[in-house]
């Protein structure tokens, strides 16, 4: 069973940047066969899609609220997916989760119910 661990969260001022990492660890599977997603959940709100990257580096999708500010990437050798977050806003404050789904080459899921494996989350707080 794949396990995911997020890191890189913290407190940052509005306009600042953070880079989240999500490292996968498990034996007997190939990270490159997984599509990876980032989701977030703010207090009192439902979990929402942020970004996803497919098995091909160029296959990325973003929520409209983060498009142009966030960038998702992956390093299959390190079994890690990243979320670079720039121009952060107070409304970006949330717990950020990464998720993994074994996928065909062209699949880039954006719905959370399609992801089978989740990390424990990392807190991102943006002060105004």
Foldseek 3Di string as FASTA:
>chain_A
DKAKAKDWADEEAAQAKIKMKIAIDDPDDQLLQKKKFKWWDDPPGDIAGAKIAFSDQVDMDGDPVQPPFWDWGDDRVRRMIMIIGGRDDQVVWTWMKMFIARDDRNDIDRDPVRTDYIYPTDTHGYHD
